[in-house]
Amino acid sequence: MNPDLQTFLQAWTGGGHVSDAERERVLLRFENDAAFRAECMEEIRLLGLIKAVQTPPPRWLALHDALGLSVGTPAEPTSADLASCVLHLVQNESRKIANFRWFAWRPLGAAAAGIVFGMFCTSVLFAYVGPSLGKVMTLLQESFESGPAPLVTGIPQELNVWCGDESELVETYEGMKPAQGKKMVRVLRSDFAGRVSSKPSQHGDLMRVVDVRPFLREANGGEVVMTVSALFNAAPFPEAERYDGVVTLYALGQLGSTEENLYEDALALSHGECRSLDRDPSSWQLASTRFLLPPGAEFVMMKMSFRRMPKGSEDQSSLPDPVIFAGHFVDDVRASVSIRKAVPDHSTQALP
C-alpha cells in the first residue's frame, strides 16, 4: 500500500499514532494531489462497505453532507481533527467525487449511495484486523511460466483462460527481464484480428474470468472481497507519449459479455492504476484494486490493460486507433479473496 495512504488511514481511523507533522503533510497532499485524494476516498468507501466491528463517533454523517448526498447545506468544520479537515477539502468537490467511476455498483441512486456512505462508521476495519475475522485465500499467482499463450480473441467466453488483444509470451526484450520467472506477456496492440466494435480502443487488454460462487457459498451470507494486482513495464518510449497500467475487476452474473455490453452487464466494477509509466525498463510498476462481491455475482473478470493517454496538446480523438505498443509488458498477476462469514444473530433467540 502507498505509505502516505496508510498514514492517512491511520490518522482517519485512529488505528496508529501519527505525529502532527505527518498529519499535516498527508493532509496537504490530500488537498493538492487529486489522484491521492481519489485513492483516499476509494479506500475509505471500500473499507466502509466491507463493514467493521467497532464504531467511532459518527463523522460519516458530516461526510455524507459534504458530498452533497443529503438535503441541506453542510456546516463548516468546527474542529481541527483530520476528519473535519478532509470534509472541508472535499466539500466543494461533491459533484466530481459523487461521479467517480472507480467503484460503480448499479443501480446506485442517491438514496443507495447514502447507504454506502453510511457504512463509513469504522474504526477497526476488517481489512486490517487480522485472521480472526476471516480468512484470505490465494486465487491466482500467474507469472506465465506454464500453459499456452493468451488467446487473441477479445473478452473471454470461458473460465480460467487468458484472452485479450494482440499479445505474445516472451522471455526477454532488448535487455528487459520478467519480474518473476522466465516469461512475461508482451501486449502488442489495442485490438485483435476480427474485432468488431463501434467503440474506439486505446487500451491493450489481457483478461481472465474466474468462478467466485464457491467463495460466496462458503461466506454463507457474509462478505467476500476480491483483490487483484499486476506489474507493468515498458521499454523506453517517446517523451511525447503517455501510458498507464490499469487493473479492472468486473462482477458478472453470467458469462457471455461482449465489448459492447460489458459495462452494462457488470453488477459492480472497480479499477486501480499506475499512472504515467516511467521509461525505465528495469522498473516494474504495480497497479491493484479490490471490491466487495455484490449479491448475484457468479463470475469475476480480471482485466490488465495498457492505456494510451493524451499528453500535452493532444486530445483523446487524436490518438491512434488501434494503438500499437512498441514494448509493453505485464507480469506477476495475483488474485486473492478474503472471506468473512456472517455472524449469527442471537438477539431474537428465546431465553431458556
Protein backbone atom coordinates (compact mmCIF):
# COMPACT_ATOMS: atom_id res chain seq x y z
CA MET A 1 0.00 0.00 0.00
CA ASN A 2 1.09 3.57 -0.69
CA PRO A 3 2.84 4.66 2.57
CA ASP A 4 1.08 8.04 2.54
CA LEU A 5 -2.27 6.31 2.10
CA GLN A 6 -1.50 4.06 5.06
CA THR A 7 -0.59 7.09 7.16
CA PHE A 8 -3.80 8.82 6.09
CA LEU A 9 -5.91 5.80 7.08
CA GLN A 10 -4.16 5.50 10.43
CA ALA A 11 -4.92 9.16 11.14
CA TRP A 12 -8.50 8.80 9.92
CA THR A 13 -9.34 5.67 11.91
CA GLY A 14 -7.14 6.23 14.93
CA GLY A 15 -5.54 2.87 14.21
CA GLY A 16 -1.98 4.08 14.84
CA HIS A 17 -0.02 7.04 16.14
CA VAL A 18 0.50 9.76 13.56
CA SER A 19 2.54 12.82 14.51
CA ASP A 20 1.20 16.31 13.91
CA ALA A 21 3.84 16.86 11.24
CA GLU A 22 2.89 13.67 9.36
CA ARG A 23 -0.80 14.52 9.68
CA GLU A 24 -0.26 17.96 8.17
CA ARG A 25 1.90 16.53 5.39
CA VAL A 26 -0.67 13.96 4.23
CA LEU A 27 -3.45 16.49 4.58
CA LEU A 28 -1.52 18.89 2.34
CA ARG A 29 -1.05 16.12 -0.20
CA PHE A 30 -4.77 15.29 0.04
CA GLU A 31 -5.53 18.93 -0.76
CA ASN A 32 -3.14 19.29 -3.70
CA ASP A 33 -2.95 15.81 -5.26
CA ALA A 34 -6.20 14.84 -6.99
CA ALA A 35 -5.06 11.27 -7.63
CA PHE A 36 -4.13 10.77 -3.98
CA ARG A 37 -7.42 12.32 -2.89
CA ALA A 38 -9.34 9.87 -5.08
CA GLU A 39 -7.28 6.98 -3.70
CA CYS A 40 -8.08 8.01 -0.11
CA MET A 41 -11.78 8.35 -0.81
CA GLU A 42 -11.86 4.99 -2.58
CA GLU A 43 -10.17 3.28 0.35
CA ILE A 44 -12.49 4.83 2.94
CA ARG A 45 -15.54 3.96 0.90
CA LEU A 46 -14.45 0.39 0.20
CA LEU A 47 -13.43 -0.30 3.79
CA GLY A 48 -16.76 1.07 4.90
CA LEU A 49 -18.54 -1.34 2.56
CA ILE A 50 -16.57 -4.22 3.98
CA LYS A 51 -18.01 -3.10 7.35
CA ALA A 52 -16.24 -3.33 10.63
CA VAL A 53 -16.52 -4.49 14.15
CA GLN A 54 -16.49 -1.23 16.08
CA THR A 55 -17.97 2.21 15.57
CA PRO A 56 -16.30 5.58 16.29
CA PRO A 57 -18.21 8.87 16.59
CA PRO A 58 -20.49 9.22 13.54
CA ARG A 59 -18.40 11.58 11.45
CA TRP A 60 -19.66 9.81 8.31
CA LEU A 61 -22.81 11.91 8.66
CA ALA A 62 -20.81 15.05 8.06
CA LEU A 63 -19.03 13.41 5.13
CA HIS A 64 -22.39 12.38 3.71
CA ASP A 65 -23.48 16.03 3.84
CA ALA A 66 -20.20 17.35 2.44
CA LEU A 67 -20.53 15.11 -0.60
CA GLY A 68 -23.94 16.57 -1.37
CA LEU A 69 -25.86 13.34 -0.85
CA SER A 70 -28.40 14.71 1.61
CA VAL A 71 -30.65 17.72 1.96
CA GLY A 72 -29.31 20.92 3.41
CA THR A 73 -26.05 22.83 3.49
CA PRO A 74 -23.03 21.21 5.14
CA ALA A 75 -21.66 23.07 8.08
CA GLU A 76 -18.15 24.45 8.32
CA PRO A 77 -15.74 22.21 10.21
CA THR A 78 -15.77 23.02 13.89
CA SER A 79 -12.67 21.13 14.96
CA ALA A 80 -9.13 20.66 13.77
CA ASP A 81 -9.16 16.87 13.57
CA LEU A 82 -8.30 15.12 10.32
CA ALA A 83 -11.90 14.17 9.55
CA SER A 84 -13.10 17.77 9.73
CA CYS A 85 -10.24 19.00 7.56
CA VAL A 86 -10.90 16.31 4.96
CA LEU A 87 -14.61 17.12 4.92
CA HIS A 88 -13.80 20.77 4.35
CA LEU A 89 -11.49 19.93 1.45
CA VAL A 90 -14.00 17.70 -0.33
CA GLN A 91 -17.00 19.95 0.30
CA ASN A 92 -16.55 21.82 -2.95
CA GLU A 93 -15.94 18.67 -4.98
CA SER A 94 -19.22 16.88 -4.34
CA ARG A 95 -20.15 16.52 -7.99
CA LYS A 96 -16.71 15.24 -9.00
CA ILE A 97 -16.41 12.70 -6.20
CA ALA A 98 -20.02 11.53 -6.44
CA ASN A 99 -19.41 10.69 -10.09
CA PHE A 100 -16.19 8.68 -9.71
CA ARG A 101 -16.37 5.52 -11.78
CA TRP A 102 -13.69 3.62 -9.90
CA PHE A 103 -16.43 1.82 -7.98
CA ALA A 104 -19.80 1.58 -9.68
CA TRP A 105 -22.46 -0.59 -8.11
CA ARG A 106 -25.61 -0.40 -10.13
CA PRO A 107 -28.36 0.61 -9.63
CA LEU A 108 -26.99 3.06 -7.06
CA GLY A 109 -29.12 6.16 -6.88
CA ALA A 110 -28.71 8.94 -4.37
CA ALA A 111 -30.53 7.00 -1.65
CA ALA A 112 -28.44 3.87 -2.14
CA ALA A 113 -25.30 5.98 -2.24
CA GLY A 114 -26.34 7.37 1.11
CA ILE A 115 -26.43 3.84 2.48
CA VAL A 116 -22.94 3.23 1.11
CA PHE A 117 -21.59 6.32 2.85
CA GLY A 118 -23.50 5.37 5.95
CA MET A 119 -21.25 2.32 6.19
CA PHE A 120 -18.26 4.57 6.84
CA CYS A 121 -18.62 4.05 10.58
CA THR A 122 -15.46 2.06 11.17
CA SER A 123 -12.51 2.18 13.50
CA VAL A 124 -11.25 -1.38 13.42
CA LEU A 125 -11.57 -2.41 9.79
CA PHE A 126 -11.88 -5.99 8.55
CA ALA A 127 -9.13 -5.44 6.01
CA TYR A 128 -6.64 -4.63 8.76
CA VAL A 129 -7.59 -6.54 11.88
CA GLY A 130 -6.13 -9.94 11.14
CA PRO A 131 -7.22 -13.50 10.51
CA SER A 132 -9.62 -13.84 13.43
CA LEU A 133 -12.35 -12.12 11.43
CA GLY A 134 -11.96 -14.18 8.28
CA LYS A 135 -9.51 -15.91 6.02
CA VAL A 136 -7.57 -14.94 2.92
CA MET A 137 -7.21 -17.43 0.07
CA THR A 138 -4.86 -17.13 -2.90
CA LEU A 139 -6.86 -17.48 -6.08
CA LEU A 140 -4.16 -16.91 -8.68
CA GLN A 141 -0.44 -16.19 -8.84
CA GLU A 142 0.44 -16.04 -12.52
CA SER A 143 3.88 -15.38 -13.92
CA PHE A 144 3.07 -17.09 -17.25
CA GLU A 145 5.65 -19.85 -16.80
CA SER A 146 3.37 -22.66 -17.95
CA GLY A 147 0.31 -23.03 -20.07
CA PRO A 148 -0.46 -21.68 -23.52
CA ALA A 149 -0.03 -18.11 -24.68
CA PRO A 150 -3.08 -15.89 -24.18
CA LEU A 151 -5.76 -16.29 -26.83
CA VAL A 152 -6.14 -13.30 -29.12
CA THR A 153 -9.94 -13.37 -29.17
CA GLY A 154 -11.07 -10.44 -27.04
CA ILE A 155 -13.25 -10.89 -23.96
CA PRO A 156 -13.04 -14.48 -22.64
CA GLN A 157 -16.14 -16.63 -23.03
CA GLU A 158 -14.92 -19.45 -20.78
CA LEU A 159 -13.33 -19.79 -17.37
CA ASN A 160 -9.66 -19.72 -16.43
CA VAL A 161 -8.30 -18.89 -19.89
CA TRP A 162 -6.18 -15.84 -20.68
CA CYS A 163 -7.65 -13.88 -23.59
CA GLY A 164 -7.50 -10.38 -24.95
CA ASP A 165 -5.94 -8.18 -27.57
CA GLU A 166 -2.86 -8.99 -29.67
CA SER A 167 -0.09 -10.22 -27.37
CA GLU A 168 2.68 -12.77 -27.09
CA LEU A 169 4.73 -14.59 -24.47
CA VAL A 170 8.39 -13.52 -24.39
CA GLU A 171 11.39 -14.22 -22.19
CA THR A 172 13.44 -11.08 -22.74
CA TYR A 173 13.09 -7.91 -24.80
CA GLU A 174 16.00 -5.59 -25.50
CA GLY A 175 17.58 -6.49 -22.18
CA MET A 176 14.32 -6.29 -20.21
CA LYS A 177 13.71 -9.26 -17.93
CA PRO A 178 10.48 -10.63 -16.43
CA ALA A 179 9.57 -9.51 -12.94
CA GLN A 180 9.05 -13.14 -11.93
CA GLY A 181 10.25 -16.36 -13.56
CA LYS A 182 11.37 -16.53 -17.17
CA LYS A 183 8.34 -15.30 -19.12
CA MET A 184 6.13 -12.25 -19.38
CA VAL A 185 3.27 -11.12 -21.64
CA ARG A 186 4.04 -8.51 -24.25
CA VAL A 187 0.94 -6.54 -25.31
CA LEU A 188 1.20 -5.58 -28.98
CA ARG A 189 -1.99 -3.76 -29.99
CA SER A 190 -5.24 -2.39 -28.63
CA ASP A 191 -7.28 -4.74 -30.81
CA PHE A 192 -7.21 -8.24 -32.28
CA ALA A 193 -7.88 -9.84 -35.64
CA GLY A 194 -11.62 -9.99 -36.30
CA ARG A 195 -12.55 -7.39 -33.69
CA VAL A 196 -15.98 -5.97 -34.42
CA SER A 197 -16.93 -2.98 -32.31
CA SER A 198 -18.21 0.51 -32.87
CA LYS A 199 -16.13 1.75 -29.94
CA PRO A 200 -12.60 3.12 -30.46
CA SER A 201 -9.91 1.50 -28.36
CA GLN A 202 -6.72 2.92 -26.91
CA HIS A 203 -6.46 0.03 -24.41
CA GLY A 204 -4.48 -3.16 -24.91
CA ASP A 205 -6.21 -5.75 -22.70
CA LEU A 206 -5.33 -9.08 -21.10
CA MET A 207 -8.29 -10.80 -19.39
CA ARG A 208 -9.34 -13.86 -17.43
CA VAL A 209 -12.67 -14.94 -15.88
CA VAL A 210 -12.88 -16.83 -12.58
CA ASP A 211 -15.79 -18.52 -10.82
CA VAL A 212 -16.49 -16.93 -7.42
CA ARG A 213 -19.58 -18.95 -6.48
CA PRO A 214 -17.64 -21.33 -4.19
CA PHE A 215 -16.38 -18.40 -2.12
CA LEU A 216 -19.83 -16.84 -1.81
CA ARG A 217 -21.23 -20.20 -0.71
CA GLU A 218 -18.50 -20.51 1.89
CA ALA A 219 -19.23 -17.00 3.17
CA ASN A 220 -22.86 -18.13 3.67
CA GLY A 221 -24.31 -14.64 3.63
CA GLY A 222 -21.12 -12.98 4.80
CA GLU A 223 -18.68 -10.90 2.80
CA VAL A 224 -16.20 -11.76 0.09
CA VAL A 225 -13.63 -9.19 -1.02
CA MET A 226 -11.52 -9.86 -4.08
CA THR A 227 -8.12 -8.25 -4.62
CA VAL A 228 -6.07 -8.30 -7.84
CA SER A 229 -2.69 -6.79 -8.67
CA ALA A 230 -0.31 -6.86 -11.64
CA LEU A 231 3.10 -5.50 -12.55
CA PHE A 232 3.54 -3.31 -15.64
CA ASN A 233 6.64 -2.25 -17.54
CA ALA A 234 7.57 -0.61 -20.79
CA ALA A 235 10.66 -0.24 -22.93
CA PRO A 236 11.69 3.40 -23.48
CA PHE A 237 9.04 5.21 -25.50
CA PRO A 238 8.88 8.77 -26.90
CA GLU A 239 8.74 11.52 -24.31
CA ALA A 240 5.66 12.92 -26.05
CA GLU A 241 3.64 9.76 -25.26
CA ARG A 242 1.93 8.67 -22.03
CA TYR A 243 0.84 5.19 -20.96
CA ASP A 244 -0.97 3.98 -17.84
CA GLY A 245 -1.16 0.48 -16.41
CA VAL A 246 -4.70 -0.40 -15.27
CA VAL A 247 -6.24 -3.31 -13.37
CA THR A 248 -10.05 -3.64 -13.54
CA LEU A 249 -12.48 -6.08 -11.90
CA TYR A 250 -15.99 -6.76 -13.22
CA ALA A 251 -18.54 -8.76 -11.20
CA LEU A 252 -20.81 -10.66 -13.60
CA GLY A 253 -23.98 -12.69 -13.17
CA GLN A 254 -23.25 -14.83 -16.22
CA LEU A 255 -20.73 -15.41 -18.98
CA GLY A 256 -21.19 -14.11 -22.49
CA SER A 257 -20.49 -10.38 -22.19
CA THR A 258 -19.06 -8.60 -25.20
CA GLU A 259 -17.03 -5.43 -25.58
CA GLU A 260 -20.24 -3.58 -26.41
CA ASN A 261 -22.19 -4.58 -23.30
CA LEU A 262 -19.60 -5.42 -20.64
CA TYR A 263 -20.12 -2.24 -18.64
CA GLU A 264 -23.90 -2.64 -18.68
CA ASP A 265 -23.64 -6.31 -17.68
CA ALA A 266 -21.36 -5.65 -14.72
CA LEU A 267 -23.03 -5.82 -11.32
CA ALA A 268 -20.05 -3.98 -9.86
CA LEU A 269 -16.67 -2.82 -11.05
CA SER A 270 -13.51 -1.36 -9.62
CA HIS A 271 -10.19 -0.29 -11.07
CA GLY A 272 -6.74 0.76 -9.94
CA GLU A 273 -3.89 2.16 -11.96
CA CYS A 274 -0.27 3.19 -12.10
CA ARG A 275 -0.33 6.47 -13.95
CA SER A 276 2.28 7.64 -16.41
CA LEU A 277 4.55 4.62 -16.62
CA ASP A 278 8.17 5.60 -16.37
CA ARG A 279 10.61 4.96 -19.22
CA ASP A 280 12.96 2.80 -17.18
CA PRO A 281 12.79 -0.87 -18.29
CA SER A 282 14.37 -2.03 -15.03
CA SER A 283 11.42 -0.64 -13.05
CA TRP A 284 8.24 -2.71 -12.77
CA GLN A 285 5.26 -0.71 -11.52
CA LEU A 286 2.31 -2.04 -9.53
CA ALA A 287 -1.41 -1.47 -10.05
CA SER A 288 -4.03 -3.10 -7.86
CA THR A 289 -7.71 -2.94 -6.99
CA ARG A 290 -10.31 -4.76 -4.92
CA PHE A 291 -14.03 -4.83 -4.32
CA LEU A 292 -16.78 -6.39 -2.28
CA LEU A 293 -18.62 -9.01 -4.33
CA PRO A 294 -22.25 -7.92 -4.72
CA PRO A 295 -25.34 -10.15 -4.48
CA GLY A 296 -25.89 -12.13 -7.67
CA ALA A 297 -22.23 -12.27 -8.65
CA GLU A 298 -21.15 -15.62 -10.05
CA PHE A 299 -18.05 -14.70 -12.02
CA VAL A 300 -15.38 -12.01 -11.92
CA MET A 301 -13.47 -10.86 -14.96
CA MET A 302 -9.95 -9.59 -14.24
CA LYS A 303 -8.55 -7.22 -16.84
CA MET A 304 -5.00 -5.90 -17.11
CA SER A 305 -4.66 -3.03 -19.58
CA PHE A 306 -2.17 -0.63 -21.08
CA ARG A 307 -3.92 2.66 -21.76
CA ARG A 308 -2.61 5.27 -24.16
CA MET A 309 -3.46 8.73 -22.81
CA PRO A 310 -3.26 12.18 -24.35
CA LYS A 311 -0.29 14.31 -23.39
CA GLY A 312 0.44 17.97 -23.91
CA SER A 313 -1.69 19.39 -26.72
CA GLU A 314 -3.17 16.01 -27.65
CA ASP A 315 -6.79 15.10 -27.08
CA GLN A 316 -8.39 11.67 -26.98
CA SER A 317 -9.65 11.83 -30.53
CA SER A 318 -6.15 12.48 -31.86
CA LEU A 319 -4.79 9.17 -30.54
CA PRO A 320 -4.32 6.31 -32.99
CA ASP A 321 -6.95 3.58 -33.18
CA PRO A 322 -5.74 0.94 -32.74
CA VAL A 323 -2.71 1.78 -30.62
CA ILE A 324 0.47 -0.12 -31.48
CA PHE A 325 2.52 -0.83 -28.34
CA ALA A 326 6.25 -0.90 -29.06
CA GLY A 327 7.33 -2.69 -25.88
CA HIS A 328 4.75 -3.02 -23.10
CA PHE A 329 4.69 -5.92 -20.64
CA VAL A 330 2.53 -7.50 -17.91
CA ASP A 331 3.80 -9.97 -15.31
CA ASP A 332 3.13 -11.37 -11.83
CA VAL A 333 -0.68 -11.20 -11.78
CA ARG A 334 -2.01 -12.03 -8.31
CA ALA A 335 -5.57 -12.53 -7.11
CA SER A 336 -6.93 -13.39 -3.68
CA VAL A 337 -10.22 -13.45 -1.84
CA SER A 338 -10.95 -12.50 1.76
CA ILE A 339 -13.89 -14.38 3.23
CA ARG A 340 -15.74 -13.28 6.31
CA LYS A 341 -18.68 -15.42 7.25
CA ALA A 342 -21.86 -13.84 8.55
CA VAL A 343 -22.02 -13.51 12.32
CA PRO A 344 -25.06 -15.38 13.70
CA ASP A 345 -27.72 -13.10 15.14
CA HIS A 346 -28.65 -14.36 18.57
CA SER A 347 -30.70 -11.33 19.51
CA THR A 348 -34.01 -12.98 18.68
CA GLN A 349 -33.34 -16.31 20.32
CA ALA A 350 -35.60 -17.15 23.22
CA LEU A 351 -34.12 -17.16 26.69
CA PRO A 352 -34.01 -20.55 28.44
